[in-house]
Full PDB file with SEQRES, HELIX, SHEET, SSBOND, CRYST1, ORIGX, SCALE, CONECT and MASTER records, all heavy atoms in Angstrom:
SEQRES   1 A   43  GLY VAL LYS TRP TRP ALA LEU GLY LEU ILE VAL HIS THR          
SEQRES   2 A   43  THR GLY LEU THR LEU SER PHE TRP GLU ASN SER LEU ALA          
SEQRES   3 A   43  ILE HIS VAL PRO PHE TRP VAL VAL SER ILE ASN MET VAL          
SEQRES   4 A   43  SER LEU SER GLY                                              
HELIX    1 AA1 VAL A    2  LEU A   25  1                                  24    
HELIX    2 AA2 PRO A   30  SER A   42  1                                  13    
CRYST1    1.000    1.000    1.000  90.00  90.00  90.00 P 1           1          
ORIGX1      1.000000  0.000000  0.000000        0.00000                         
ORIGX2      0.000000  1.000000  0.000000        0.00000                         
ORIGX3      0.000000  0.000000  1.000000        0.00000                         
SCALE1      1.000000  0.000000  0.000000        0.00000                         
SCALE2      0.000000  1.000000  0.000000        0.00000                         
SCALE3      0.000000  0.000000  1.000000        0.00000                         
ATOM      1  N   GLY A   1     -76.962   0.432  29.562  1.00  0.00           N  
ATOM      2  CA  GLY A   1     -75.829   0.608  28.667  1.00  0.00           C  
ATOM      3  C   GLY A   1     -76.170   1.213  27.328  1.00  0.00           C  
ATOM      4  O   GLY A   1     -75.321   1.872  26.706  1.00  0.00           O  
ATOM      5  N   VAL A   2     -77.402   1.040  26.848  1.00  0.00           N  
ATOM      6  CA  VAL A   2     -77.749   1.481  25.496  1.00  0.00           C  
ATOM      7  C   VAL A   2     -77.672   3.005  25.369  1.00  0.00           C  
ATOM      8  O   VAL A   2     -77.183   3.537  24.361  1.00  0.00           O  
ATOM      9  CB  VAL A   2     -79.151   0.962  25.105  1.00  0.00           C  
ATOM     10  CG1 VAL A   2     -79.580   1.532  23.765  1.00  0.00           C  
ATOM     11  CG2 VAL A   2     -79.144  -0.558  25.047  1.00  0.00           C  
ATOM     12  N   LYS A   3     -78.124   3.723  26.402  1.00  0.00           N  
ATOM     13  CA  LYS A   3     -78.052   5.187  26.337  1.00  0.00           C  
ATOM     14  C   LYS A   3     -76.596   5.667  26.312  1.00  0.00           C  
ATOM     15  O   LYS A   3     -76.279   6.691  25.688  1.00  0.00           O  
ATOM     16  CB  LYS A   3     -78.802   5.814  27.497  1.00  0.00           C  
ATOM     17  CG  LYS A   3     -78.177   5.593  28.861  1.00  0.00           C  
ATOM     18  CD  LYS A   3     -78.964   6.310  29.944  1.00  0.00           C  
ATOM     19  CE  LYS A   3     -78.347   6.071  31.321  1.00  0.00           C  
ATOM     20  NZ  LYS A   3     -79.127   6.750  32.384  1.00  0.00           N  
ATOM     21  N   TRP A   4     -75.714   4.900  26.972  1.00  0.00           N  
ATOM     22  CA  TRP A   4     -74.294   5.277  26.979  1.00  0.00           C  
ATOM     23  C   TRP A   4     -73.675   5.077  25.609  1.00  0.00           C  
ATOM     24  O   TRP A   4     -72.768   5.819  25.217  1.00  0.00           O  
ATOM     25  CB  TRP A   4     -73.550   4.467  28.036  1.00  0.00           C  
ATOM     26  CG  TRP A   4     -73.990   4.780  29.430  1.00  0.00           C  
ATOM     27  CD1 TRP A   4     -74.760   4.006  30.250  1.00  0.00           C  
ATOM     28  CD2 TRP A   4     -73.712   5.972  30.175  1.00  0.00           C  
ATOM     29  NE1 TRP A   4     -74.981   4.627  31.449  1.00  0.00           N  
ATOM     30  CE2 TRP A   4     -74.343   5.839  31.432  1.00  0.00           C  
ATOM     31  CE3 TRP A   4     -72.990   7.130  29.899  1.00  0.00           C  
ATOM     32  CZ2 TRP A   4     -74.270   6.823  32.414  1.00  0.00           C  
ATOM     33  CZ3 TRP A   4     -72.924   8.117  30.874  1.00  0.00           C  
ATOM     34  CH2 TRP A   4     -73.554   7.954  32.108  1.00  0.00           C  
ATOM     35  N   TRP A   5     -74.151   4.070  24.869  1.00  0.00           N  
ATOM     36  CA  TRP A   5     -73.659   3.901  23.499  1.00  0.00           C  
ATOM     37  C   TRP A   5     -74.025   5.102  22.638  1.00  0.00           C  
ATOM     38  O   TRP A   5     -73.216   5.607  21.868  1.00  0.00           O  
ATOM     39  CB  TRP A   5     -74.230   2.627  22.880  1.00  0.00           C  
ATOM     40  CG  TRP A   5     -73.717   1.377  23.494  1.00  0.00           C  
ATOM     41  CD1 TRP A   5     -72.560   1.217  24.202  1.00  0.00           C  
ATOM     42  CD2 TRP A   5     -74.347   0.093  23.467  1.00  0.00           C  
ATOM     43  NE1 TRP A   5     -72.429  -0.090  24.610  1.00  0.00           N  
ATOM     44  CE2 TRP A   5     -73.505  -0.797  24.179  1.00  0.00           C  
ATOM     45  CE3 TRP A   5     -75.516  -0.397  22.921  1.00  0.00           C  
ATOM     46  CZ2 TRP A   5     -73.808  -2.149  24.346  1.00  0.00           C  
ATOM     47  CZ3 TRP A   5     -75.842  -1.742  23.074  1.00  0.00           C  
ATOM     48  CH2 TRP A   5     -74.984  -2.600  23.786  1.00  0.00           C  
ATOM     49  N   ALA A   6     -75.293   5.548  22.754  1.00  0.00           N  
ATOM     50  CA  ALA A   6     -75.733   6.707  21.966  1.00  0.00           C  
ATOM     51  C   ALA A   6     -74.927   7.941  22.352  1.00  0.00           C  
ATOM     52  O   ALA A   6     -74.422   8.674  21.480  1.00  0.00           O  
ATOM     53  CB  ALA A   6     -77.228   6.947  22.194  1.00  0.00           C  
ATOM     54  N   LEU A   7     -74.770   8.178  23.661  1.00  0.00           N  
ATOM     55  CA  LEU A   7     -74.013   9.341  24.114  1.00  0.00           C  
ATOM     56  C   LEU A   7     -72.547   9.244  23.701  1.00  0.00           C  
ATOM     57  O   LEU A   7     -71.947  10.222  23.225  1.00  0.00           O  
ATOM     58  CB  LEU A   7     -74.119   9.455  25.635  1.00  0.00           C  
ATOM     59  CG  LEU A   7     -73.333  10.601  26.295  1.00  0.00           C  
ATOM     60  CD1 LEU A   7     -73.815  11.946  25.763  1.00  0.00           C  
ATOM     61  CD2 LEU A   7     -73.457  10.530  27.812  1.00  0.00           C  
ATOM     62  N   GLY A   8     -71.949   8.065  23.873  1.00  0.00           N  
ATOM     63  CA  GLY A   8     -70.546   7.881  23.518  1.00  0.00           C  
ATOM     64  C   GLY A   8     -70.293   8.103  22.046  1.00  0.00           C  
ATOM     65  O   GLY A   8     -69.289   8.730  21.659  1.00  0.00           O  
ATOM     66  N   LEU A   9     -71.191   7.602  21.205  1.00  0.00           N  
ATOM     67  CA  LEU A   9     -71.006   7.777  19.761  1.00  0.00           C  
ATOM     68  C   LEU A   9     -71.150   9.239  19.363  1.00  0.00           C  
ATOM     69  O   LEU A   9     -70.416   9.734  18.501  1.00  0.00           O  
ATOM     70  CB  LEU A   9     -72.015   6.903  19.006  1.00  0.00           C  
ATOM     71  CG  LEU A   9     -71.763   6.730  17.507  1.00  0.00           C  
ATOM     72  CD1 LEU A   9     -70.396   6.104  17.252  1.00  0.00           C  
ATOM     73  CD2 LEU A   9     -72.856   5.871  16.881  1.00  0.00           C  
ATOM     74  N   ILE A  10     -72.069   9.942  20.000  1.00  0.00           N  
ATOM     75  CA  ILE A  10     -72.235  11.376  19.702  1.00  0.00           C  
ATOM     76  C   ILE A  10     -70.977  12.154  20.088  1.00  0.00           C  
ATOM     77  O   ILE A  10     -70.479  12.988  19.326  1.00  0.00           O  
ATOM     78  CB  ILE A  10     -73.474  11.932  20.441  1.00  0.00           C  
ATOM     79  CG1 ILE A  10     -74.762  11.355  19.814  1.00  0.00           C  
ATOM     80  CG2 ILE A  10     -73.501  13.453  20.375  1.00  0.00           C  
ATOM     81  CD1 ILE A  10     -76.017  11.637  20.614  1.00  0.00           C  
ATOM     82  N   VAL A  11     -70.449  11.878  21.275  1.00  0.00           N  
ATOM     83  CA  VAL A  11     -69.236  12.572  21.733  1.00  0.00           C  
ATOM     84  C   VAL A  11     -68.049  12.214  20.838  1.00  0.00           C  
ATOM     85  O   VAL A  11     -67.261  13.088  20.441  1.00  0.00           O  
ATOM     86  CB  VAL A  11     -68.938  12.206  23.202  1.00  0.00           C  
ATOM     87  CG1 VAL A  11     -67.590  12.779  23.645  1.00  0.00           C  
ATOM     88  CG2 VAL A  11     -70.047  12.712  24.113  1.00  0.00           C  
ATOM     89  N   HIS A  12     -67.914  10.921  20.513  1.00  0.00           N  
ATOM     90  CA  HIS A  12     -66.814  10.468  19.650  1.00  0.00           C  
ATOM     91  C   HIS A  12     -66.901  11.130  18.274  1.00  0.00           C  
ATOM     92  O   HIS A  12     -65.887  11.601  17.724  1.00  0.00           O  
ATOM     93  CB  HIS A  12     -66.902   8.955  19.513  1.00  0.00           C  
ATOM     94  CG  HIS A  12     -65.838   8.343  18.655  1.00  0.00           C  
ATOM     95  ND1 HIS A  12     -64.494   8.416  18.962  1.00  0.00           N  
ATOM     96  CD2 HIS A  12     -65.919   7.642  17.481  1.00  0.00           C  
ATOM     97  CE1 HIS A  12     -63.796   7.792  18.034  1.00  0.00           C  
ATOM     98  NE2 HIS A  12     -64.631   7.321  17.126  1.00  0.00           N  
ATOM     99  N   THR A  13     -68.099  11.213  17.715  1.00  0.00           N  
ATOM    100  CA  THR A  13     -68.299  11.848  16.409  1.00  0.00           C  
ATOM    101  C   THR A  13     -67.965  13.331  16.462  1.00  0.00           C  
ATOM    102  O   THR A  13     -67.324  13.885  15.541  1.00  0.00           O  
ATOM    103  CB  THR A  13     -69.754  11.652  15.948  1.00  0.00           C  
ATOM    104  OG1 THR A  13     -70.035  10.246  15.857  1.00  0.00           O  
ATOM    105  CG2 THR A  13     -70.002  12.299  14.601  1.00  0.00           C  
ATOM    106  N   THR A  14     -68.386  13.984  17.539  1.00  0.00           N  
ATOM    107  CA  THR A  14     -68.092  15.413  17.699  1.00  0.00           C  
ATOM    108  C   THR A  14     -66.582  15.656  17.721  1.00  0.00           C  
ATOM    109  O   THR A  14     -66.062  16.563  17.055  1.00  0.00           O  
ATOM    110  CB  THR A  14     -68.722  15.948  18.995  1.00  0.00           C  
ATOM    111  OG1 THR A  14     -70.141  15.743  18.950  1.00  0.00           O  
ATOM    112  CG2 THR A  14     -68.433  17.431  19.174  1.00  0.00           C  
ATOM    113  N   GLY A  15     -65.861  14.819  18.487  1.00  0.00           N  
ATOM    114  CA  GLY A  15     -64.417  14.967  18.575  1.00  0.00           C  
ATOM    115  C   GLY A  15     -63.719  14.751  17.247  1.00  0.00           C  
ATOM    116  O   GLY A  15     -62.823  15.526  16.861  1.00  0.00           O  
ATOM    117  N   LEU A  16     -64.114  13.699  16.518  1.00  0.00           N  
ATOM    118  CA  LEU A  16     -63.482  13.439  15.216  1.00  0.00           C  
ATOM    119  C   LEU A  16     -63.788  14.552  14.215  1.00  0.00           C  
ATOM    120  O   LEU A  16     -62.921  14.955  13.426  1.00  0.00           O  
ATOM    121  CB  LEU A  16     -63.976  12.095  14.665  1.00  0.00           C  
ATOM    122  CG  LEU A  16     -63.348  10.825  15.244  1.00  0.00           C  
ATOM    123  CD1 LEU A  16     -63.912   9.593  14.554  1.00  0.00           C  
ATOM    124  CD2 LEU A  16     -61.825  10.845  15.108  1.00  0.00           C  
ATOM    125  N   THR A  17     -65.024  15.059  14.237  1.00  0.00           N  
ATOM    126  CA  THR A  17     -65.401  16.143  13.328  1.00  0.00           C  
ATOM    127  C   THR A  17     -64.540  17.378  13.579  1.00  0.00           C  
ATOM    128  O   THR A  17     -64.006  18.000  12.643  1.00  0.00           O  
ATOM    129  CB  THR A  17     -66.886  16.498  13.510  1.00  0.00           C  
ATOM    130  OG1 THR A  17     -67.686  15.332  13.281  1.00  0.00           O  
ATOM    131  CG2 THR A  17     -67.305  17.582  12.538  1.00  0.00           C  
ATOM    132  N   LEU A  18     -64.390  17.737  14.843  1.00  0.00           N  
ATOM    133  CA  LEU A  18     -63.557  18.898  15.185  1.00  0.00           C  
ATOM    134  C   LEU A  18     -62.098  18.662  14.811  1.00  0.00           C  
ATOM    135  O   LEU A  18     -61.396  19.579  14.347  1.00  0.00           O  
ATOM    136  CB  LEU A  18     -63.681  19.194  16.683  1.00  0.00           C  
ATOM    137  CG  LEU A  18     -65.039  19.719  17.155  1.00  0.00           C  
ATOM    138  CD1 LEU A  18     -65.076  19.802  18.681  1.00  0.00           C  
ATOM    139  CD2 LEU A  18     -65.340  21.080  16.536  1.00  0.00           C  
ATOM    140  N   SER A  19     -61.627  17.416  14.997  1.00  0.00           N  
ATOM    141  CA  SER A  19     -60.235  17.102  14.676  1.00  0.00           C  
ATOM    142  C   SER A  19     -59.977  17.221  13.179  1.00  0.00           C  
ATOM    143  O   SER A  19     -58.965  17.808  12.750  1.00  0.00           O  
ATOM    144  CB  SER A  19     -59.904  15.690  15.156  1.00  0.00           C  
ATOM    145  OG  SER A  19     -58.576  15.339  14.844  1.00  0.00           O  
ATOM    146  N   PHE A  20     -60.898  16.675  12.363  1.00  0.00           N  
ATOM    147  CA  PHE A  20     -60.724  16.773  10.914  1.00  0.00           C  
ATOM    148  C   PHE A  20     -60.802  18.231  10.456  1.00  0.00           C  
ATOM    149  O   PHE A  20     -60.062  18.664   9.554  1.00  0.00           O  
ATOM    150  CB  PHE A  20     -61.788  15.946  10.197  1.00  0.00           C  
ATOM    151  CG  PHE A  20     -61.628  14.461  10.403  1.00  0.00           C  
ATOM    152  CD1 PHE A  20     -62.735  13.622  10.362  1.00  0.00           C  
ATOM    153  CD2 PHE A  20     -60.388  13.897  10.634  1.00  0.00           C  
ATOM    154  CE1 PHE A  20     -62.595  12.247  10.538  1.00  0.00           C  
ATOM    155  CE2 PHE A  20     -60.243  12.531  10.825  1.00  0.00           C  
ATOM    156  CZ  PHE A  20     -61.345  11.712  10.779  1.00  0.00           C  
ATOM    157  N   TRP A  21     -61.692  18.994  11.071  1.00  0.00           N  
ATOM    158  CA  TRP A  21     -61.822  20.410  10.714  1.00  0.00           C  
ATOM    159  C   TRP A  21     -60.558  21.173  11.094  1.00  0.00           C  
ATOM    160  O   TRP A  21     -60.044  21.980  10.317  1.00  0.00           O  
ATOM    161  CB  TRP A  21     -63.032  20.987  11.436  1.00  0.00           C  
ATOM    162  CG  TRP A  21     -63.182  22.475  11.289  1.00  0.00           C  
ATOM    163  CD1 TRP A  21     -63.574  23.158  10.174  1.00  0.00           C  
ATOM    164  CD2 TRP A  21     -62.930  23.460  12.299  1.00  0.00           C  
ATOM    165  NE1 TRP A  21     -63.581  24.520  10.408  1.00  0.00           N  
ATOM    166  CE2 TRP A  21     -63.192  24.729  11.716  1.00  0.00           C  
ATOM    167  CE3 TRP A  21     -62.521  23.410  13.619  1.00  0.00           C  
ATOM    168  CZ2 TRP A  21     -63.042  25.914  12.424  1.00  0.00           C  
ATOM    169  CZ3 TRP A  21     -62.387  24.595  14.326  1.00  0.00           C  
ATOM    170  CH2 TRP A  21     -62.640  25.826  13.739  1.00  0.00           C  
ATOM    171  N   GLU A  22     -60.015  20.901  12.285  1.00  0.00           N  
ATOM    172  CA  GLU A  22     -58.783  21.572  12.741  1.00  0.00           C  
ATOM    173  C   GLU A  22     -57.616  21.246  11.818  1.00  0.00           C  
ATOM    174  O   GLU A  22     -56.795  22.122  11.489  1.00  0.00           O  
ATOM    175  CB  GLU A  22     -58.495  21.143  14.191  1.00  0.00           C  
ATOM    176  CG  GLU A  22     -57.283  21.790  14.823  1.00  0.00           C  
ATOM    177  CD  GLU A  22     -56.034  20.946  14.672  1.00  0.00           C  
ATOM    178  OE1 GLU A  22     -56.169  19.709  14.469  1.00  0.00           O  
ATOM    179  OE2 GLU A  22     -54.929  21.516  14.721  1.00  0.00           O  
ATOM    180  N   ASN A  23     -57.514  20.005  11.367  1.00  0.00           N  
ATOM    181  CA  ASN A  23     -56.426  19.620  10.463  1.00  0.00           C  
ATOM    182  C   ASN A  23     -56.587  20.237   9.081  1.00  0.00           C  
ATOM    183  O   ASN A  23     -55.598  20.537   8.416  1.00  0.00           O  
ATOM    184  CB  ASN A  23     -56.351  18.102  10.361  1.00  0.00           C  
ATOM    185  CG  ASN A  23     -55.509  17.485  11.460  1.00  0.00           C  
ATOM    186  OD1 ASN A  23     -54.291  17.421  11.383  1.00  0.00           O  
ATOM    187  ND2 ASN A  23     -56.179  17.063  12.537  1.00  0.00           N  
ATOM    188  N   SER A  24     -57.826  20.424   8.649  1.00  0.00           N  
ATOM    189  CA  SER A  24     -58.033  21.043   7.340  1.00  0.00           C  
ATOM    190  C   SER A  24     -57.606  22.502   7.344  1.00  0.00           C  
ATOM    191  O   SER A  24     -57.166  23.044   6.318  1.00  0.00           O  
ATOM    192  CB  SER A  24     -59.506  20.929   6.930  1.00  0.00           C  
ATOM    193  OG  SER A  24     -60.330  21.723   7.773  1.00  0.00           O  
ATOM    194  N   LEU A  25     -57.701  23.189   8.504  1.00  0.00           N  
ATOM    195  CA  LEU A  25     -57.264  24.580   8.605  1.00  0.00           C  
ATOM    196  C   LEU A  25     -55.762  24.693   8.792  1.00  0.00           C  
ATOM    197  O   LEU A  25     -55.184  25.749   8.545  1.00  0.00           O  
ATOM    198  CB  LEU A  25     -57.976  25.263   9.791  1.00  0.00           C  
ATOM    199  CG  LEU A  25     -59.489  25.394   9.687  1.00  0.00           C  
ATOM    200  CD1 LEU A  25     -60.045  26.041  10.959  1.00  0.00           C  
ATOM    201  CD2 LEU A  25     -59.891  26.204   8.467  1.00  0.00           C  
ATOM    202  N   ALA A  26     -55.148  23.584   9.251  1.00  0.00           N  
ATOM    203  CA  ALA A  26     -53.690  23.553   9.480  1.00  0.00           C  
ATOM    204  C   ALA A  26     -53.241  24.630  10.460  1.00  0.00           C  
ATOM    205  O   ALA A  26     -52.156  25.191  10.343  1.00  0.00           O  
ATOM    206  CB  ALA A  26     -52.935  23.680   8.155  1.00  0.00           C  
ATOM    207  N   ILE A  27     -54.105  24.966  11.421  1.00  0.00           N  
ATOM    208  CA  ILE A  27     -53.747  25.913  12.487  1.00  0.00           C  
ATOM    209  C   ILE A  27     -53.723  25.117  13.776  1.00  0.00           C  
ATOM    210  O   ILE A  27     -54.771  24.810  14.363  1.00  0.00           O  
ATOM    211  CB  ILE A  27     -54.761  27.075  12.578  1.00  0.00           C  
ATOM    212  CG1 ILE A  27     -54.849  27.805  11.237  1.00  0.00           C  
ATOM    213  CG2 ILE A  27     -54.368  28.032  13.696  1.00  0.00           C  
ATOM    214  CD1 ILE A  27     -55.927  28.868  11.198  1.00  0.00           C  
ATOM    215  N   HIS A  28     -52.540  24.763  14.242  1.00  0.00           N  
ATOM    216  CA  HIS A  28     -52.419  23.836  15.361  1.00  0.00           C  
ATOM    217  C   HIS A  28     -52.126  24.581  16.655  1.00  0.00           C  
ATOM    218  O   HIS A  28     -50.984  24.953  16.937  1.00  0.00           O  
ATOM    219  CB  HIS A  28     -51.321  22.812  15.078  1.00  0.00           C  
ATOM    220  CG  HIS A  28     -51.521  22.058  13.795  1.00  0.00           C  
ATOM    221  ND1 HIS A  28     -52.646  21.327  13.539  1.00  0.00           N  
ATOM    222  CD2 HIS A  28     -50.731  21.950  12.692  1.00  0.00           C  
ATOM    223  CE1 HIS A  28     -52.555  20.780  12.338  1.00  0.00           C  
ATOM    224  NE2 HIS A  28     -51.401  21.155  11.799  1.00  0.00           N  
ATOM    225  N   VAL A  29     -53.156  24.836  17.433  1.00  0.00           N  
ATOM    226  CA  VAL A  29     -53.019  25.410  18.770  1.00  0.00           C  
ATOM    227  C   VAL A  29     -52.984  24.241  19.747  1.00  0.00           C  
ATOM    228  O   VAL A  29     -53.970  23.499  19.847  1.00  0.00           O  
ATOM    229  CB  VAL A  29     -54.181  26.353  19.104  1.00  0.00           C  
ATOM    230  CG1 VAL A  29     -54.018  26.918  20.519  1.00  0.00           C  
ATOM    231  CG2 VAL A  29     -54.271  27.476  18.072  1.00  0.00           C  
ATOM    232  N   PRO A  30     -51.875  24.016  20.451  1.00  0.00           N  
ATOM    233  CA  PRO A  30     -51.717  22.811  21.274  1.00  0.00           C  
ATOM    234  C   PRO A  30     -52.894  22.523  22.199  1.00  0.00           C  
ATOM    235  O   PRO A  30     -53.351  21.384  22.295  1.00  0.00           O  
ATOM    236  CB  PRO A  30     -50.431  23.093  22.051  1.00  0.00           C  
ATOM    237  CG  PRO A  30     -49.636  23.975  21.145  1.00  0.00           C  
ATOM    238  CD  PRO A  30     -50.648  24.841  20.466  1.00  0.00           C  
ATOM    239  N   PHE A  31     -53.389  23.555  22.898  1.00  0.00           N  
ATOM    240  CA  PHE A  31     -54.494  23.322  23.843  1.00  0.00           C  
ATOM    241  C   PHE A  31     -55.710  22.748  23.136  1.00  0.00           C  
ATOM    242  O   PHE A  31     -56.327  21.788  23.604  1.00  0.00           O  
ATOM    243  CB  PHE A  31     -54.858  24.635  24.551  1.00  0.00           C  
ATOM    244  CG  PHE A  31     -56.078  24.514  25.427  1.00  0.00           C  
ATOM    245  CD1 PHE A  31     -56.014  23.909  26.677  1.00  0.00           C  
ATOM    246  CD2 PHE A  31     -57.316  24.977  24.980  1.00  0.00           C  
ATOM    247  CE1 PHE A  31     -57.149  23.785  27.473  1.00  0.00           C  
ATOM    248  CE2 PHE A  31     -58.451  24.862  25.760  1.00  0.00           C  
ATOM    249  CZ  PHE A  31     -58.371  24.268  27.020  1.00  0.00           C  
ATOM    250  N   TRP A  32     -56.048  23.342  21.979  1.00  0.00           N  
ATOM    251  CA  TRP A  32     -57.236  22.872  21.254  1.00  0.00           C  
ATOM    252  C   TRP A  32     -56.998  21.505  20.620  1.00  0.00           C  
ATOM    253  O   TRP A  32     -57.915  20.680  20.562  1.00  0.00           O  
ATOM    254  CB  TRP A  32     -57.639  23.888  20.187  1.00  0.00           C  
ATOM    255  CG  TRP A  32     -58.204  25.133  20.782  1.00  0.00           C  
ATOM    256  CD1 TRP A  32     -57.654  26.381  20.772  1.00  0.00           C  
ATOM    257  CD2 TRP A  32     -59.426  25.247  21.521  1.00  0.00           C  
ATOM    258  NE1 TRP A  32     -58.437  27.266  21.453  1.00  0.00           N  
ATOM    259  CE2 TRP A  32     -59.551  26.603  21.926  1.00  0.00           C  
ATOM    260  CE3 TRP A  32     -60.425  24.349  21.866  1.00  0.00           C  
ATOM    261  CZ2 TRP A  32     -60.628  27.075  22.655  1.00  0.00           C  
ATOM    262  CZ3 TRP A  32     -61.513  24.805  22.607  1.00  0.00           C  
ATOM    263  CH2 TRP A  32     -61.606  26.146  23.003  1.00  0.00           C  
ATOM    264  N   VAL A  33     -55.797  21.259  20.178  1.00  0.00           N  
ATOM    265  CA  VAL A  33     -55.478  19.947  19.596  1.00  0.00           C  
ATOM    266  C   VAL A  33     -55.710  18.842  20.624  1.00  0.00           C  
ATOM    267  O   VAL A  33     -56.370  17.832  20.363  1.00  0.00           O  
ATOM    268  CB  VAL A  33     -54.016  19.927  19.093  1.00  0.00           C  
ATOM    269  CG1 VAL A  33     -53.598  18.488  18.764  1.00  0.00           C  
ATOM    270  CG2 VAL A  33     -53.867  20.804  17.864  1.00  0.00           C  
ATOM    271  N   VAL A  34     -55.150  19.052  21.817  1.00  0.00           N  
ATOM    272  CA  VAL A  34     -55.299  18.045  22.874  1.00  0.00           C  
ATOM    273  C   VAL A  34     -56.761  17.920  23.292  1.00  0.00           C  
ATOM    274  O   VAL A  34     -57.293  16.815  23.448  1.00  0.00           O  
ATOM    275  CB  VAL A  34     -54.420  18.400  24.088  1.00  0.00           C  
ATOM    276  CG1 VAL A  34     -54.673  17.428  25.242  1.00  0.00           C  
ATOM    277  CG2 VAL A  34     -52.946  18.383  23.704  1.00  0.00           C  
ATOM    278  N   SER A  35     -57.434  19.061  23.468  1.00  0.00           N  
ATOM    279  CA  SER A  35     -58.830  19.048  23.920  1.00  0.00           C  
ATOM    280  C   SER A  35     -59.734  18.328  22.923  1.00  0.00           C  
ATOM    281  O   SER A  35     -60.577  17.501  23.294  1.00  0.00           O  
ATOM    282  CB  SER A  35     -59.324  20.486  24.138  1.00  0.00           C  
ATOM    283  OG  SER A  35     -58.570  21.132  25.130  1.00  0.00           O  
ATOM    284  N   ILE A  36     -59.556  18.641  21.637  1.00  0.00           N  
ATOM    285  CA  ILE A  36     -60.396  18.030  20.603  1.00  0.00           C  
ATOM    286  C   ILE A  36     -60.184  16.520  20.546  1.00  0.00           C  
ATOM    287  O   ILE A  36     -61.150  15.741  20.483  1.00  0.00           O  
ATOM    288  CB  ILE A  36     -60.097  18.678  19.234  1.00  0.00           C  
ATOM    289  CG1 ILE A  36     -60.667  20.095  19.174  1.00  0.00           C  
ATOM    290  CG2 ILE A  36     -60.666  17.829  18.100  1.00  0.00           C  
ATOM    291  CD1 ILE A  36     -60.208  20.899  17.971  1.00  0.00           C  
ATOM    292  N   ASN A  37     -58.926  16.076  20.585  1.00  0.00           N  
ATOM    293  CA  ASN A  37     -58.651  14.644  20.552  1.00  0.00           C  
ATOM    294  C   ASN A  37     -59.182  13.935  21.789  1.00  0.00           C  
ATOM    295  O   ASN A  37     -59.655  12.794  21.713  1.00  0.00           O  
ATOM    296  CB  ASN A  37     -57.152  14.402  20.405  1.00  0.00           C  
ATOM    297  CG  ASN A  37     -56.671  14.563  18.973  1.00  0.00           C  
ATOM    298  OD1 ASN A  37     -56.801  13.654  18.154  1.00  0.00           O  
ATOM    299  ND2 ASN A  37     -56.123  15.729  18.664  1.00  0.00           N  
ATOM    300  N   MET A  38     -59.133  14.612  22.939  1.00  0.00           N  
ATOM    301  CA  MET A  38     -59.652  13.999  24.162  1.00  0.00           C  
ATOM    302  C   MET A  38     -61.170  13.902  24.149  1.00  0.00           C  
ATOM    303  O   MET A  38     -61.742  13.001  24.771  1.00  0.00           O  
ATOM    304  CB  MET A  38     -59.181  14.776  25.384  1.00  0.00           C  
ATOM    305  CG  MET A  38     -57.717  14.515  25.765  1.00  0.00           C  
ATOM    306  SD  MET A  38     -57.297  12.747  25.885  1.00  0.00           S  
ATOM    307  CE  MET A  38     -58.436  12.193  27.159  1.00  0.00           C  
ATOM    308  N   VAL A  39     -61.826  14.811  23.445  1.00  0.00           N  
ATOM    309  CA  VAL A  39     -63.285  14.689  23.288  1.00  0.00           C  
ATOM    310  C   VAL A  39     -63.612  13.382  22.572  1.00  0.00           C  
ATOM    311  O   VAL A  39     -64.487  12.613  22.988  1.00  0.00           O  
ATOM    312  CB  VAL A  39     -63.863  15.896  22.519  1.00  0.00           C  
ATOM    313  CG1 VAL A  39     -65.321  15.624  22.113  1.00  0.00           C  
ATOM    314  CG2 VAL A  39     -63.799  17.155  23.375  1.00  0.00           C  
ATOM    315  N   SER A  40     -62.880  13.135  21.480  1.00  0.00           N  
ATOM    316  CA  SER A  40     -63.117  11.899  20.724  1.00  0.00           C  
ATOM    317  C   SER A  40     -62.814  10.663  21.565  1.00  0.00           C  
ATOM    318  O   SER A  40     -63.589   9.703  21.583  1.00  0.00           O  
ATOM    319  CB  SER A  40     -62.261  11.891  19.459  1.00  0.00           C  
ATOM    320  OG  SER A  40     -62.517  10.733  18.692  1.00  0.00           O  
ATOM    321  N   LEU A  41     -61.693  10.681  22.290  1.00  0.00           N  
ATOM    322  CA  LEU A  41     -61.329   9.542  23.134  1.00  0.00           C  
ATOM    323  C   LEU A  41     -62.316   9.373  24.289  1.00  0.00           C  
ATOM    324  O   LEU A  41     -62.599   8.249  24.707  1.00  0.00           O  
ATOM    325  CB  LEU A  41     -59.910   9.714  23.671  1.00  0.00           C  
ATOM    326  CG  LEU A  41     -58.789   9.573  22.639  1.00  0.00           C  
ATOM    327  CD1 LEU A  41     -57.434   9.865  23.283  1.00  0.00           C  
ATOM    328  CD2 LEU A  41     -58.792   8.177  22.016  1.00  0.00           C  
ATOM    329  N   SER A  42     -62.847  10.487  24.808  1.00  0.00           N  
ATOM    330  CA  SER A  42     -63.860  10.399  25.870  1.00  0.00           C  
ATOM    331  C   SER A  42     -65.096   9.661  25.370  1.00  0.00           C  
ATOM    332  O   SER A  42     -65.698   8.871  26.098  1.00  0.00           O  
ATOM    333  CB  SER A  42     -64.247  11.804  26.350  1.00  0.00           C  
ATOM    334  OG  SER A  42     -63.141  12.452  26.933  1.00  0.00           O  
ATOM    335  N   GLY A  43     -65.459   9.921  24.112  1.00  0.00           N  
ATOM    336  CA  GLY A  43     -66.582   9.186  23.525  1.00  0.00           C  
ATOM    337  C   GLY A  43     -66.322   7.693  23.491  1.00  0.00           C  
ATOM    338  O   GLY A  43     -67.201   6.887  23.789  1.00  0.00           O  
TER     339      GLY A  43                                                      
MASTER        0    0    0    2    0    0    0    6  338    1    0    4          
END                                                                             
């Protein structure tokens, strides 16, 4: 389980980083919005 925690946190962090960056640009492309949020939730 420990390796899954490391992997999950990395994926979750990647998703949140992309989400915050996408919101700062205020350019909302539906496909990318959903994909980025699902990356974070996958983590």
